PDB file of N, CA and C in Angstrom:
ATOM      1  N   MET A   1      91.127-141.701 162.917  1.00  0.00           N
ATOM      2  CA  MET A   1      91.311-140.410 163.048  1.00  0.00           C
ATOM      3  C   MET A   1      90.258-139.676 163.086  1.00  0.00           C
ATOM      4  N   ASN A   2      89.757-138.816 163.868  1.00  0.00           N
ATOM      5  CA  ASN A   2      88.629-137.687 163.686  1.00  0.00           C
ATOM      6  C   ASN A   2      89.022-136.616 163.149  1.00  0.00           C
ATOM      7  N   LYS A   3      88.084-135.646 163.053  1.00  0.00           N
ATOM      8  CA  LYS A   3      88.455-134.342 162.439  1.00  0.00           C
ATOM      9  C   LYS A   3      89.438-133.487 163.205  1.00  0.00           C
ATOM     10  N   ALA A   4      88.930-133.540 164.567  1.00  0.00           N
ATOM     11  CA  ALA A   4      90.249-132.759 165.494  1.00  0.00           C
ATOM     12  C   ALA A   4      91.477-133.247 165.378  1.00  0.00           C
ATOM     13  N   GLU A   5      91.632-134.609 165.310  1.00  0.00           N
ATOM     14  CA  GLU A   5      92.810-135.157 165.399  1.00  0.00           C
ATOM     15  C   GLU A   5      93.546-134.765 164.012  1.00  0.00           C
ATOM     16  N   LEU A   6      92.654-134.776 162.764  1.00  0.00           N
ATOM     17  CA  LEU A   6      93.230-134.357 161.530  1.00  0.00           C
ATOM     18  C   LEU A   6      93.764-133.123 161.664  1.00  0.00           C
ATOM     19  N   ILE A   7      92.932-132.308 162.127  1.00  0.00           N
ATOM     20  CA  ILE A   7      93.396-130.824 162.176  1.00  0.00           C
ATOM     21  C   ILE A   7      94.692-130.631 163.019  1.00  0.00           C
ATOM     22  N   THR A   8      95.028-131.427 164.198  1.00  0.00           N
ATOM     23  CA  THR A   8      95.890-131.408 164.883  1.00  0.00           C
ATOM     24  C   THR A   8      97.155-131.640 164.204  1.00  0.00           C
ATOM     25  N   ALA A   9      97.065-132.975 163.305  1.00  0.00           N
ATOM     26  CA  ALA A   9      98.214-133.392 162.616  1.00  0.00           C
ATOM     27  C   ALA A   9      98.653-132.399 161.498  1.00  0.00           C
ATOM     28  N   MET A  10      97.744-131.939 160.758  1.00  0.00           N
ATOM     29  CA  MET A  10      98.064-131.098 159.816  1.00  0.00           C
ATOM     30  C   MET A  10      98.562-129.627 160.145  1.00  0.00           C
ATOM     31  N   ALA A  11      98.216-129.400 161.368  1.00  0.00           N
ATOM     32  CA  ALA A  11      98.916-127.929 162.000  1.00  0.00           C
ATOM     33  C   ALA A  11     100.342-128.300 162.331  1.00  0.00           C
ATOM     34  N   SER A  12     100.769-129.487 162.845  1.00  0.00           N
ATOM     35  CA  SER A  12     101.827-129.703 163.278  1.00  0.00           C
ATOM     36  C   SER A  12     102.683-129.832 161.853  1.00  0.00           C
ATOM     37  N   LYS A  13     102.195-130.536 161.037  1.00  0.00           N
ATOM     38  CA  LYS A  13     102.978-130.926 159.846  1.00  0.00           C
ATOM     39  C   LYS A  13     103.219-129.834 158.835  1.00  0.00           C
ATOM     40  N   ALA A  14     102.436-128.763 158.651  1.00  0.00           N
ATOM     41  CA  ALA A  14     102.419-127.562 158.208  1.00  0.00           C
ATOM     42  C   ALA A  14     102.806-126.281 158.699  1.00  0.00           C
ATOM     43  N   ASP A  15     103.186-126.392 159.977  1.00  0.00           N
ATOM     44  CA  ASP A  15     103.586-125.263 161.151  1.00  0.00           C
ATOM     45  C   ASP A  15     102.485-124.326 160.861  1.00  0.00           C
ATOM     46  N   LEU A  16     101.267-124.681 161.167  1.00  0.00           N
ATOM     47  CA  LEU A  16     100.138-123.493 160.900  1.00  0.00           C
ATOM     48  C   LEU A  16      99.337-123.540 162.277  1.00  0.00           C
ATOM     49  N   SER A  17      98.614-122.655 162.502  1.00  0.00           N
ATOM     50  CA  SER A  17      97.891-122.628 163.707  1.00  0.00           C
ATOM     51  C   SER A  17      96.646-123.456 163.524  1.00  0.00           C
ATOM     52  N   LYS A  18      96.072-124.146 164.546  1.00  0.00           N
ATOM     53  CA  LYS A  18      94.801-125.124 164.222  1.00  0.00           C
ATOM     54  C   LYS A  18      93.693-124.421 163.795  1.00  0.00           C
ATOM     55  N   LYS A  19      93.772-123.036 164.250  1.00  0.00           N
ATOM     56  CA  LYS A  19      92.423-122.188 163.681  1.00  0.00           C
ATOM     57  C   LYS A  19      92.688-122.191 161.897  1.00  0.00           C
ATOM     58  N   ASP A  20      94.028-121.919 161.455  1.00  0.00           N
ATOM     59  CA  ASP A  20      94.144-121.699 160.019  1.00  0.00           C
ATOM     60  C   ASP A  20      93.911-123.002 159.347  1.00  0.00           C
ATOM     61  N   VAL A  21      94.454-124.118 159.987  1.00  0.00           N
ATOM     62  CA  VAL A  21      94.055-125.404 159.153  1.00  0.00           C
ATOM     63  C   VAL A  21      92.565-125.628 159.180  1.00  0.00           C
ATOM     64  N   GLU A  22      91.918-125.403 160.367  1.00  0.00           N
ATOM     65  CA  GLU A  22      90.490-125.686 160.522  1.00  0.00           C
ATOM     66  C   GLU A  22      89.710-125.088 159.174  1.00  0.00           C
ATOM     67  N   ILE A  23      90.197-123.609 158.878  1.00  0.00           N
ATOM     68  CA  ILE A  23      89.467-122.925 158.088  1.00  0.00           C
ATOM     69  C   ILE A  23      89.773-123.542 156.536  1.00  0.00           C
ATOM     70  N   ALA A  24      91.165-123.811 156.536  1.00  0.00           N
ATOM     71  CA  ALA A  24      91.428-124.442 155.071  1.00  0.00           C
ATOM     72  C   ALA A  24      90.975-125.744 154.956  1.00  0.00           C
ATOM     73  N   LEU A  25      90.493-126.420 155.732  1.00  0.00           N
ATOM     74  CA  LEU A  25      89.919-127.817 155.812  1.00  0.00           C
ATOM     75  C   LEU A  25      88.473-127.640 155.488  1.00  0.00           C
ATOM     76  N   LYS A  26      88.052-126.629 156.145  1.00  0.00           N
ATOM     77  CA  LYS A  26      86.473-126.340 155.781  1.00  0.00           C
ATOM     78  C   LYS A  26      86.398-125.837 154.620  1.00  0.00           C
ATOM     79  N   ALA A  27      87.124-125.127 154.074  1.00  0.00           N
ATOM     80  CA  ALA A  27      87.065-124.366 152.481  1.00  0.00           C
ATOM     81  C   ALA A  27      87.474-125.788 151.700  1.00  0.00           C
ATOM     82  N   PHE A  28      88.060-126.545 152.057  1.00  0.00           N
ATOM     83  CA  PHE A  28      88.362-127.781 151.074  1.00  0.00           C
ATOM     84  C   PHE A  28      87.137-128.587 150.955  1.00  0.00           C
ATOM     85  N   ILE A  29      86.785-128.837 151.946  1.00  0.00           N
ATOM     86  CA  ILE A  29      85.426-129.823 152.344  1.00  0.00           C
ATOM     87  C   ILE A  29      84.099-128.984 151.203  1.00  0.00           C
ATOM     88  N   ASP A  30      84.050-127.858 151.673  1.00  0.00           N
ATOM     89  CA  ASP A  30      83.096-126.871 150.865  1.00  0.00           C
ATOM     90  C   ASP A  30      83.346-127.162 149.326  1.00  0.00           C
ATOM     91  N   VAL A  31      84.383-126.810 148.854  1.00  0.00           N
ATOM     92  CA  VAL A  31      84.855-126.718 147.651  1.00  0.00           C
ATOM     93  C   VAL A  31      84.300-128.021 146.787  1.00  0.00           C
ATOM     94  N   VAL A  32      84.822-129.303 147.378  1.00  0.00           N
ATOM     95  CA  VAL A  32      84.772-130.467 146.768  1.00  0.00           C
ATOM     96  C   VAL A  32      83.217-130.746 146.836  1.00  0.00           C
ATOM     97  N   SER A  33      82.472-130.415 148.018  1.00  0.00           N
ATOM     98  CA  SER A  33      80.907-131.071 148.085  1.00  0.00           C
ATOM     99  C   SER A  33      80.226-130.235 146.907  1.00  0.00           C
ATOM    100  N   ASP A  34      80.580-128.646 146.808  1.00  0.00           N
ATOM    101  CA  ASP A  34      79.959-127.757 145.644  1.00  0.00           C
ATOM    102  C   ASP A  34      80.203-128.516 144.281  1.00  0.00           C
ATOM    103  N   GLU A  35      81.536-128.734 144.076  1.00  0.00           N
ATOM    104  CA  GLU A  35      81.608-129.265 142.763  1.00  0.00           C
ATOM    105  C   GLU A  35      81.164-130.593 142.536  1.00  0.00           C
ATOM    106  N   LEU A  36      81.207-131.458 143.518  1.00  0.00           N
ATOM    107  CA  LEU A  36      80.489-132.870 143.291  1.00  0.00           C
ATOM    108  C   LEU A  36      79.122-132.541 143.148  1.00  0.00           C
ATOM    109  N   LYS A  37      78.420-131.597 143.874  1.00  0.00           N
ATOM    110  CA  LYS A  37      76.590-131.389 143.790  1.00  0.00           C
ATOM    111  C   LYS A  37      76.508-130.796 142.121  1.00  0.00           C
ATOM    112  N   ASN A  38      77.529-130.152 141.709  1.00  0.00           N
ATOM    113  CA  ASN A  38      77.297-129.443 140.158  1.00  0.00           C
ATOM    114  C   ASN A  38      77.950-130.545 139.180  1.00  0.00           C
ATOM    115  N   GLY A  39      78.150-131.843 139.575  1.00  0.00           N
ATOM    116  CA  GLY A  39      78.237-132.764 138.584  1.00  0.00           C
ATOM    117  C   GLY A  39      79.703-132.660 138.218  1.00  0.00           C
ATOM    118  N   GLU A  40      80.516-132.042 138.721  1.00  0.00           N
ATOM    119  CA  GLU A  40      82.091-132.048 138.295  1.00  0.00           C
ATOM    120  C   GLU A  40      82.784-133.115 139.155  1.00  0.00           C
ATOM    121  N   LYS A  41      84.019-133.211 138.668  1.00  0.00           N
ATOM    122  CA  LYS A  41      85.027-133.919 139.396  1.00  0.00           C
ATOM    123  C   LYS A  41      86.050-133.258 139.790  1.00  0.00           C
ATOM    124  N   ILE A  42      86.988-133.491 140.940  1.00  0.00           N
ATOM    125  CA  ILE A  42      88.254-133.090 141.489  1.00  0.00           C
ATOM    126  C   ILE A  42      89.046-133.886 141.373  1.00  0.00           C
ATOM    127  N   GLN A  43      90.269-133.781 140.471  1.00  0.00           N
ATOM    128  CA  GLN A  43      91.529-134.772 140.235  1.00  0.00           C
ATOM    129  C   GLN A  43      92.499-134.147 140.763  1.00  0.00           C
ATOM    130  N   LEU A  44      92.971-134.825 141.973  1.00  0.00           N
ATOM    131  CA  LEU A  44      94.313-134.334 142.736  1.00  0.00           C
ATOM    132  C   LEU A  44      95.395-135.576 142.139  1.00  0.00           C
ATOM    133  N   VAL A  45      96.195-135.074 141.187  1.00  0.00           N
ATOM    134  CA  VAL A  45      97.342-136.005 140.628  1.00  0.00           C
ATOM    135  C   VAL A  45      98.010-136.489 141.589  1.00  0.00           C
ATOM    136  N   GLY A  46      98.277-137.903 141.766  1.00  0.00           N
ATOM    137  CA  GLY A  46      99.146-138.725 142.583  1.00  0.00           C
ATOM    138  C   GLY A  46      98.333-138.934 144.008  1.00  0.00           C
ATOM    139  N   PHE A  47      97.151-138.339 144.357  1.00  0.00           N
ATOM    140  CA  PHE A  47      96.323-138.434 145.317  1.00  0.00           C
ATOM    141  C   PHE A  47      95.073-139.423 145.165  1.00  0.00           C
ATOM    142  N   GLY A  48      94.500-138.829 143.959  1.00  0.00           N
ATOM    143  CA  GLY A  48      93.036-139.625 143.909  1.00  0.00           C
ATOM    144  C   GLY A  48      92.194-138.641 143.104  1.00  0.00           C
ATOM    145  N   THR A  49      90.982-139.003 142.858  1.00  0.00           N
ATOM    146  CA  THR A  49      90.005-138.423 142.391  1.00  0.00           C
ATOM    147  C   THR A  49      88.638-138.329 142.993  1.00  0.00           C
ATOM    148  N   PHE A  50      87.919-137.244 143.256  1.00  0.00           N
ATOM    149  CA  PHE A  50      86.402-137.399 143.856  1.00  0.00           C
ATOM    150  C   PHE A  50      85.544-137.072 142.684  1.00  0.00           C
ATOM    151  N   ASP A  51      84.659-137.975 142.504  1.00  0.00           N
ATOM    152  CA  ASP A  51      83.541-137.980 141.409  1.00  0.00           C
ATOM    153  C   ASP A  51      82.202-138.388 142.060  1.00  0.00           C
ATOM    154  N   THR A  52      81.271-138.577 141.297  1.00  0.00           N
ATOM    155  CA  THR A  52      79.999-139.047 141.534  1.00  0.00           C
ATOM    156  C   THR A  52      79.798-140.360 140.830  1.00  0.00           C
ATOM    157  N   SER A  53      78.704-141.004 141.277  1.00  0.00           N
ATOM    158  CA  SER A  53      78.440-142.030 140.311  1.00  0.00           C
ATOM    159  C   SER A  53      76.747-142.166 140.513  1.00  0.00           C
ATOM    160  N   GLU A  54      76.243-142.742 139.440  1.00  0.00           N
ATOM    161  CA  GLU A  54      74.654-142.576 139.129  1.00  0.00           C
ATOM    162  C   GLU A  54      74.178-143.930 140.108  1.00  0.00           C
ATOM    163  N   ARG A  55      73.295-143.705 140.854  1.00  0.00           N
ATOM    164  CA  ARG A  55      72.775-144.983 140.917  1.00  0.00           C
ATOM    165  C   ARG A  55      71.176-145.204 140.412  1.00  0.00           C
ATOM    166  N   ALA A  56      71.020-146.282 139.971  1.00  0.00           N
ATOM    167  CA  ALA A  56      69.758-146.459 139.052  1.00  0.00           C
ATOM    168  C   ALA A  56      68.498-146.647 140.134  1.00  0.00           C
ATOM    169  N   ALA A  57      67.459-146.284 139.720  1.00  0.00           N
ATOM    170  CA  ALA A  57      66.134-146.918 140.712  1.00  0.00           C
ATOM    171  C   ALA A  57      66.149-148.003 140.808  1.00  0.00           C
ATOM    172  N   ARG A  58      65.416-148.750 141.724  1.00  0.00           N
ATOM    173  CA  ARG A  58      65.476-150.258 141.858  1.00  0.00           C
ATOM    174  C   ARG A  58      64.437-150.584 142.991  1.00  0.00           C
ATOM    175  N   GLU A  59      64.184-151.613 143.011  1.00  0.00           N
ATOM    176  CA  GLU A  59      63.214-152.330 143.974  1.00  0.00           C
ATOM    177  C   GLU A  59      63.867-152.897 145.079  1.00  0.00           C
ATOM    178  N   GLY A  60      63.655-152.667 146.330  1.00  0.00           N
ATOM    179  CA  GLY A  60      64.321-153.130 147.507  1.00  0.00           C
ATOM    180  C   GLY A  60      63.204-153.844 148.278  1.00  0.00           C
ATOM    181  N   ARG A  61      63.773-154.230 149.499  1.00  0.00           N
ATOM    182  CA  ARG A  61      62.689-154.815 150.646  1.00  0.00           C
ATOM    183  C   ARG A  61      62.738-154.011 151.465  1.00  0.00           C
ATOM    184  N   ASN A  62      61.616-153.791 152.568  1.00  0.00           N
ATOM    185  CA  ASN A  62      61.451-153.318 153.813  1.00  0.00           C
ATOM    186  C   ASN A  62      62.196-154.478 154.802  1.00  0.00           C
ATOM    187  N   PRO A  63      63.125-154.044 155.633  1.00  0.00           N
ATOM    188  CA  PRO A  63      63.663-155.272 156.193  1.00  0.00           C
ATOM    189  C   PRO A  63      62.871-155.524 157.370  1.00  0.00           C
ATOM    190  N   GLN A  64      61.950-154.678 157.903  1.00  0.00           N
ATOM    191  CA  GLN A  64      61.440-155.184 158.826  1.00  0.00           C
ATOM    192  C   GLN A  64      59.864-155.962 158.604  1.00  0.00           C
ATOM    193  N   THR A  65      59.380-155.479 157.493  1.00  0.00           N
ATOM    194  CA  THR A  65      58.074-156.395 156.848  1.00  0.00           C
ATOM    195  C   THR A  65      58.437-157.108 155.825  1.00  0.00           C
ATOM    196  N   GLY A  66      59.486-157.345 154.920  1.00  0.00           N
ATOM    197  CA  GLY A  66      59.708-157.704 154.042  1.00  0.00           C
ATOM    198  C   GLY A  66      58.796-157.422 152.564  1.00  0.00           C
ATOM    199  N   GLU A  67      58.283-156.323 152.886  1.00  0.00           N
ATOM    200  CA  GLU A  67      57.538-155.698 151.607  1.00  0.00           C
ATOM    201  C   GLU A  67      58.345-155.011 150.711  1.00  0.00           C
ATOM    202  N   PRO A  68      58.148-155.315 149.404  1.00  0.00           N
ATOM    203  CA  PRO A  68      58.739-154.671 148.330  1.00  0.00           C
ATOM    204  C   PRO A  68      58.473-153.050 148.524  1.00  0.00           C
ATOM    205  N   MET A  69      59.573-152.451 147.938  1.00  0.00           N
ATOM    206  CA  MET A  69      59.274-150.896 147.978  1.00  0.00           C
ATOM    207  C   MET A  69      60.246-150.364 146.975  1.00  0.00           C
ATOM    208  N   LYS A  70      60.167-149.303 146.367  1.00  0.00           N
ATOM    209  CA  LYS A  70      60.853-148.726 145.400  1.00  0.00           C
ATOM    210  C   LYS A  70      61.833-147.614 146.232  1.00  0.00           C
ATOM    211  N   ILE A  71      63.164-147.993 145.495  1.00  0.00           N
ATOM    212  CA  ILE A  71      64.417-147.013 145.905  1.00  0.00           C
ATOM    213  C   ILE A  71      64.488-146.043 144.825  1.00  0.00           C
ATOM    214  N   ALA A  72      64.388-144.842 145.204  1.00  0.00           N
ATOM    215  CA  ALA A  72      64.412-143.925 143.875  1.00  0.00           C
ATOM    216  C   ALA A  72      66.111-143.805 143.457  1.00  0.00           C
ATOM    217  N   ALA A  73      66.332-143.130 142.320  1.00  0.00           N
ATOM    218  CA  ALA A  73      67.683-143.095 141.919  1.00  0.00           C
ATOM    219  C   ALA A  73      68.184-142.124 142.698  1.00  0.00           C
ATOM    220  N   SER A  74      69.766-141.962 142.580  1.00  0.00           N
ATOM    221  CA  SER A  74      70.348-141.045 143.278  1.00  0.00           C
ATOM    222  C   SER A  74      71.591-140.875 142.898  1.00  0.00           C
ATOM    223  N   LYS A  75      72.464-139.935 143.408  1.00  0.00           N
ATOM    224  CA  LYS A  75      73.910-139.928 142.796  1.00  0.00           C
ATOM    225  C   LYS A  75      74.765-140.348 144.437  1.00  0.00           C
ATOM    226  N   ALA A  76      75.765-140.679 144.320  1.00  0.00           N
ATOM    227  CA  ALA A  76      76.469-141.085 145.255  1.00  0.00           C
ATOM    228  C   ALA A  76      78.060-140.845 145.280  1.00  0.00           C
ATOM    229  N   PRO A  77      78.599-140.027 146.195  1.00  0.00           N
ATOM    230  CA  PRO A  77      80.031-139.433 146.048  1.00  0.00           C
ATOM    231  C   PRO A  77      80.972-140.663 146.055  1.00  0.00           C
ATOM    232  N   ARG A  78      82.221-140.537 145.326  1.00  0.00           N
ATOM    233  CA  ARG A  78      83.077-141.562 145.126  1.00  0.00           C
ATOM    234  C   ARG A  78      84.589-141.035 145.076  1.00  0.00           C
ATOM    235  N   PHE A  79      85.418-141.862 145.585  1.00  0.00           N
ATOM    236  CA  PHE A  79      86.779-141.622 145.872  1.00  0.00           C
ATOM    237  C   PHE A  79      87.649-142.476 145.105  1.00  0.00           C
ATOM    238  N   LYS A  80      88.570-142.142 144.248  1.00  0.00           N
ATOM    239  CA  LYS A  80      89.222-143.473 143.571  1.00  0.00           C
ATOM    240  C   LYS A  80      90.774-142.992 143.859  1.00  0.00           C
ATOM    241  N   ALA A  81      91.515-143.806 144.510  1.00  0.00           N
ATOM    242  CA  ALA A  81      92.900-143.583 145.092  1.00  0.00           C
ATOM    243  C   ALA A  81      93.928-143.539 143.631  1.00  0.00           C
ATOM    244  N   GLY A  82      94.799-142.685 143.694  1.00  0.00           N
ATOM    245  CA  GLY A  82      95.535-142.555 142.401  1.00  0.00           C
ATOM    246  C   GLY A  82      96.635-143.377 142.910  1.00  0.00           C
ATOM    247  N   LYS A  83      97.699-143.709 141.684  1.00  0.00           N
ATOM    248  CA  LYS A  83      98.759-144.598 141.908  1.00  0.00           C
ATOM    249  C   LYS A  83      99.722-144.277 143.036  1.00  0.00           C
ATOM    250  N   ALA A  84     100.169-142.876 143.238  1.00  0.00           N
ATOM    251  CA  ALA A  84     100.922-142.743 144.035  1.00  0.00           C
ATOM    252  C   ALA A  84     100.628-143.016 145.572  1.00  0.00           C
ATOM    253  N   LEU A  85      99.322-142.550 145.891  1.00  0.00           N
ATOM    254  CA  LEU A  85      98.768-143.128 147.006  1.00  0.00           C
ATOM    255  C   LEU A  85      98.664-144.715 147.496  1.00  0.00           C
ATOM    256  N   LYS A  86      98.210-145.130 146.272  1.00  0.00           N
ATOM    257  CA  LYS A  86      98.549-146.626 146.386  1.00  0.00           C
ATOM    258  C   LYS A  86      99.709-147.198 146.505  1.00  0.00           C
ATOM    259  N   ASP A  87     100.841-146.759 146.221  1.00  0.00           N
ATOM    260  CA  ASP A  87     102.018-146.972 146.215  1.00  0.00           C
ATOM    261  C   ASP A  87     102.845-146.936 147.558  1.00  0.00           C
ATOM    262  N   ILE A  88     102.001-145.670 148.290  1.00  0.00           N
ATOM    263  CA  ILE A  88     102.602-145.458 149.546  1.00  0.00           C
ATOM    264  C   ILE A  88     102.163-146.247 150.595  1.00  0.00           C
ATOM    265  N   ILE A  89     100.707-146.830 150.153  1.00  0.00           N
ATOM    266  CA  ILE A  89     100.215-147.570 151.189  1.00  0.00           C
ATOM    267  C   ILE A  89     100.819-149.021 151.293  1.00  0.00           C
ATOM    268  N   ASN A  90     101.002-149.377 149.927  1.00  0.00           N
ATOM    269  CA  ASN A  90     101.404-150.875 149.760  1.00  0.00           C
ATOM    270  C   ASN A  90     102.989-150.821 149.776  1.00  0.00           C
ATOM    271  N   ALA A  91     103.758-149.874 150.433  1.00  0.00           N
ATOM    272  CA  ALA A  91     105.144-149.975 150.325  1.00  0.00           C
ATOM    273  C   ALA A  91     105.243-150.701 151.666  1.00  0.00           C
ATOM    274  N   ARG A  92     106.492-151.456 151.380  1.00  0.00           N
ATOM    275  CA  ARG A  92     106.826-152.440 152.684  1.00  0.00           C
ATOM    276  C   ARG A  92     108.228-152.006 153.106  1.00  0.00           C
TER     277      ARG A  92
END
């Protein structure tokens, strides 16, 4: 499912216009991005938690030449599914 399909599905499920859903989805993405950038986490009980993980600096290899190269430390976004979401996915 791509973004346009998600907007269409959300609009029909919530009985809202696609434009309103698009605005709400953009606001959600912006808020989550800003909070993660500031080192915060977002916890949606039953759905999951958005947070960041620290990646340490390390040495890697250039795949074309095989030369060793340094990879800088960085932060990576992470999502951990909540129990209710896991139960929905695994329901038979």
